[in-house]
């Protein structure tokens, strides 16, 4: 494990200490958890953006998509535990 020094404004340091106390942990533990949560959030955002870009590229490449109304109905059925047939993609209309 390595050591990193951070400088906190007094007001933030006091807030961290109070929050840590309420959480039943140390300020150090609280800060570590906060940094880990922030890193995970950034990683999940990057993964989300990557998947979105890949899906958009596939739409552009194939010209196929599923209308939201059909996808929403499918997802609602799945969430409710009903058997649902996955909607078939359709070709997008070409711009005029």
Protein backbone atom coordinates (compact mmCIF):
# COMPACT_ATOMS: atom_id res chain seq x y z
CA UNK A 1 0.00 0.00 0.00
CA UNK A 2 1.32 3.44 -0.85
CA UNK A 3 0.79 6.76 0.86
CA UNK A 4 -0.77 9.80 -0.77
CA UNK A 5 -1.14 13.15 0.91
CA UNK A 6 -4.20 15.29 0.27
CA UNK A 7 -4.87 18.75 1.54
CA UNK A 8 -8.41 19.39 2.69
CA UNK A 9 -9.94 22.75 3.43
CA UNK A 10 -10.81 22.94 7.14
CA UNK A 11 -14.55 23.03 6.42
CA UNK A 12 -14.37 19.85 4.35
CA UNK A 13 -12.16 18.13 6.91
CA UNK A 14 -14.76 18.90 9.59
CA UNK A 15 -17.58 17.61 7.38
CA UNK A 16 -15.65 14.39 6.69
CA UNK A 17 -14.94 13.89 10.40
CA UNK A 18 -18.61 14.40 11.29
CA UNK A 19 -19.85 12.13 8.51
CA UNK A 20 -17.33 9.44 9.46
CA UNK A 21 -18.44 9.59 13.08
CA UNK A 22 -22.10 9.23 12.05
CA UNK A 23 -21.14 6.27 9.83
CA UNK A 24 -19.23 4.65 12.67
CA UNK A 25 -15.88 4.72 10.93
CA UNK A 26 -12.70 6.78 10.89
CA UNK A 27 -12.11 9.80 8.69
CA UNK A 28 -9.43 7.76 6.90
CA UNK A 29 -11.85 4.90 6.23
CA UNK A 30 -14.54 7.33 5.13
CA UNK A 31 -12.18 9.04 2.67
CA UNK A 32 -11.00 5.69 1.25
CA UNK A 33 -14.58 4.58 0.72
CA UNK A 34 -15.49 7.89 -0.94
CA UNK A 35 -12.53 7.65 -3.32
CA UNK A 36 -13.37 4.03 -4.17
CA UNK A 37 -17.01 4.98 -4.87
CA UNK A 38 -15.94 7.88 -7.09
CA UNK A 39 -13.49 5.66 -9.02
CA UNK A 40 -16.19 3.02 -9.52
CA UNK A 41 -18.63 5.67 -10.74
CA UNK A 42 -16.08 6.96 -13.26
CA UNK A 43 -15.36 3.40 -14.46
CA UNK A 44 -19.07 2.63 -14.84
CA UNK A 45 -19.60 5.88 -16.76
CA UNK A 46 -16.74 5.00 -19.12
CA UNK A 47 -18.18 1.52 -19.66
CA UNK A 48 -21.65 2.99 -20.28
CA UNK A 49 -20.26 5.45 -22.83
CA UNK A 50 -18.31 2.69 -24.59
CA UNK A 51 -21.37 0.45 -24.87
CA UNK A 52 -23.51 3.36 -26.08
CA UNK A 53 -20.96 4.24 -28.77
CA UNK A 54 -20.76 0.59 -29.90
CA UNK A 55 -24.54 0.33 -30.09
CA UNK A 56 -24.83 3.57 -32.02
CA UNK A 57 -22.14 2.42 -34.45
CA UNK A 58 -24.10 -0.79 -35.00
CA UNK A 59 -27.28 1.19 -35.72
CA UNK A 60 -25.40 3.35 -38.22
CA UNK A 61 -23.78 0.29 -39.84
CA UNK A 62 -26.92 -1.85 -40.12
CA UNK A 63 -29.59 0.83 -40.27
CA UNK A 64 -31.63 -1.33 -37.90
CA UNK A 65 -33.30 -0.28 -34.69
CA UNK A 66 -36.27 -1.19 -32.50
CA UNK A 67 -38.98 1.40 -31.92
CA UNK A 68 -39.07 2.53 -28.28
CA UNK A 69 -42.76 1.66 -27.85
CA UNK A 70 -42.09 -1.99 -28.76
CA UNK A 71 -38.92 -2.21 -26.68
CA UNK A 72 -40.63 -0.61 -23.69
CA UNK A 73 -43.52 -3.06 -23.89
CA UNK A 74 -41.05 -5.95 -24.12
CA UNK A 75 -39.06 -4.71 -21.11
CA UNK A 76 -42.20 -4.13 -19.04
CA UNK A 77 -43.35 -7.69 -19.76
CA UNK A 78 -39.94 -9.08 -18.78
CA UNK A 79 -39.87 -7.04 -15.55
CA UNK A 80 -43.35 -8.31 -14.69
CA UNK A 81 -42.16 -11.90 -15.20
CA UNK A 82 -44.28 -12.46 -18.30
CA UNK A 83 -42.96 -14.39 -21.27
CA UNK A 84 -42.14 -11.90 -23.97
CA UNK A 85 -40.92 -12.23 -27.52
CA UNK A 86 -37.97 -9.98 -28.28
CA UNK A 87 -39.05 -7.34 -30.82
CA UNK A 88 -37.51 -7.61 -34.28
CA UNK A 89 -35.40 -4.72 -35.50
CA UNK A 90 -36.56 -2.66 -38.46
CA UNK A 91 -34.67 -0.59 -40.99
CA UNK A 92 -34.60 3.11 -40.32
CA UNK A 93 -36.18 5.31 -42.92
CA UNK A 94 -33.56 7.11 -45.00
CA UNK A 95 -33.61 10.89 -44.63
CA UNK A 96 -35.13 12.70 -47.59
